[in-house]
Amino acid sequence: MLCIEIVHHPSSPSLVVIRSWNQFLRYSTLQVYYCTIVDVHALPTLGPDQNNIK
């Protein structure tokens, strides 16, 4: 299962960090994406009030 976590960037309120990882992988493969909040809201499967999607 692909898990996505969205958190606000600590140094800039206009940026959010999207972290996604696959629970079935034996080793942690954490990927961090930086994008603007506008780009996040443009994604069809991510709402502005959804912090964790599992």
C-alpha atoms as a PDB file:
ATOM      1  CA  MET A   1       0.000   0.000   0.000  1.00  0.00           C
ATOM      2  CA  LEU A   2       1.294   3.407  -0.918  1.00  0.00           C
ATOM      3  CA  CYS A   3       1.081   5.850   1.963  1.00  0.00           C
ATOM      4  CA  ILE A   4       1.207   9.589   1.519  1.00  0.00           C
ATOM      5  CA  GLU A   5       1.778  12.103   4.281  1.00  0.00           C
ATOM      6  CA  ILE A   6       1.438  15.827   3.785  1.00  0.00           C
ATOM      7  CA  VAL A   7       3.058  18.214   6.255  1.00  0.00           C
ATOM      8  CA  HIS A   8       3.774  21.920   6.165  1.00  0.00           C
ATOM      9  CA  HIS A   9       7.365  22.872   5.549  1.00  0.00           C
ATOM     10  CA  PRO A  10       8.873  24.181   8.808  1.00  0.00           C
ATOM     11  CA  SER A  11      10.756  27.080   7.211  1.00  0.00           C
ATOM     12  CA  SER A  12       8.099  28.267   4.780  1.00  0.00           C
ATOM     13  CA  PRO A  13       4.325  28.255   5.347  1.00  0.00           C
ATOM     14  CA  SER A  14       3.722  28.436   1.591  1.00  0.00           C
ATOM     15  CA  LEU A  15       5.355  25.054   1.013  1.00  0.00           C
ATOM     16  CA  VAL A  16       4.271  21.583   1.986  1.00  0.00           C
ATOM     17  CA  VAL A  17       6.224  18.354   2.068  1.00  0.00           C
ATOM     18  CA  ILE A  18       4.681  15.253   0.525  1.00  0.00           C
ATOM     19  CA  ARG A  19       6.237  12.062   1.836  1.00  0.00           C
ATOM     20  CA  SER A  20       5.273   8.778   0.254  1.00  0.00           C
ATOM     21  CA  TRP A  21       6.451   5.275   0.959  1.00  0.00           C
ATOM     22  CA  ASN A  22       5.459   1.700   0.187  1.00  0.00           C
ATOM     23  CA  GLN A  23       4.605  -0.390   3.244  1.00  0.00           C
ATOM     24  CA  PHE A  24       5.351  -3.645   1.440  1.00  0.00           C
ATOM     25  CA  LEU A  25       8.991  -2.776   0.838  1.00  0.00           C
ATOM     26  CA  ARG A  26      11.398  -4.308   3.296  1.00  0.00           C
ATOM     27  CA  TYR A  27      13.630  -1.249   3.384  1.00  0.00           C
ATOM     28  CA  SER A  28      12.312   2.230   3.930  1.00  0.00           C
ATOM     29  CA  THR A  29      12.350   4.233   0.723  1.00  0.00           C
ATOM     30  CA  LEU A  30      11.209   7.628   1.929  1.00  0.00           C
ATOM     31  CA  GLN A  31      10.781  10.185  -0.800  1.00  0.00           C
ATOM     32  CA  VAL A  32      10.260  13.855  -0.062  1.00  0.00           C
ATOM     33  CA  TYR A  33       8.629  16.148  -2.573  1.00  0.00           C
ATOM     34  CA  TYR A  34       8.510  19.914  -2.312  1.00  0.00           C
ATOM     35  CA  CYS A  35       5.677  21.757  -3.999  1.00  0.00           C
ATOM     36  CA  THR A  36       3.400  24.688  -3.420  1.00  0.00           C
ATOM     37  CA  ILE A  37       0.083  24.338  -1.664  1.00  0.00           C
ATOM     38  CA  VAL A  38      -1.639  25.346  -4.907  1.00  0.00           C
ATOM     39  CA  ASP A  39      -0.061  22.350  -6.657  1.00  0.00           C
ATOM     40  CA  VAL A  40      -1.184  20.037  -3.873  1.00  0.00           C
ATOM     41  CA  HIS A  41      -4.753  21.289  -4.053  1.00  0.00           C
ATOM     42  CA  ALA A  42      -4.679  20.722  -7.806  1.00  0.00           C
ATOM     43  CA  LEU A  43      -4.131  17.007  -7.311  1.00  0.00           C
ATOM     44  CA  PRO A  44      -7.437  15.172  -7.798  1.00  0.00           C
ATOM     45  CA  THR A  45      -6.975  12.638  -4.987  1.00  0.00           C
ATOM     46  CA  LEU A  46      -5.707  15.021  -2.319  1.00  0.00           C
ATOM     47  CA  GLY A  47      -8.010  17.394  -0.509  1.00  0.00           C
ATOM     48  CA  PRO A  48      -6.863  20.435   1.470  1.00  0.00           C
ATOM     49  CA  ASP A  49      -8.109  18.882   4.713  1.00  0.00           C
ATOM     50  CA  GLN A  50      -6.615  15.409   4.263  1.00  0.00           C
ATOM     51  CA  ASN A  51      -3.390  15.024   6.202  1.00  0.00           C
ATOM     52  CA  ASN A  52      -2.932  11.278   5.924  1.00  0.00           C
ATOM     53  CA  ILE A  53      -4.008   8.956   3.141  1.00  0.00           C
ATOM     54  CA  LYS A  54      -3.535   5.252   3.661  1.00  0.00           C
END
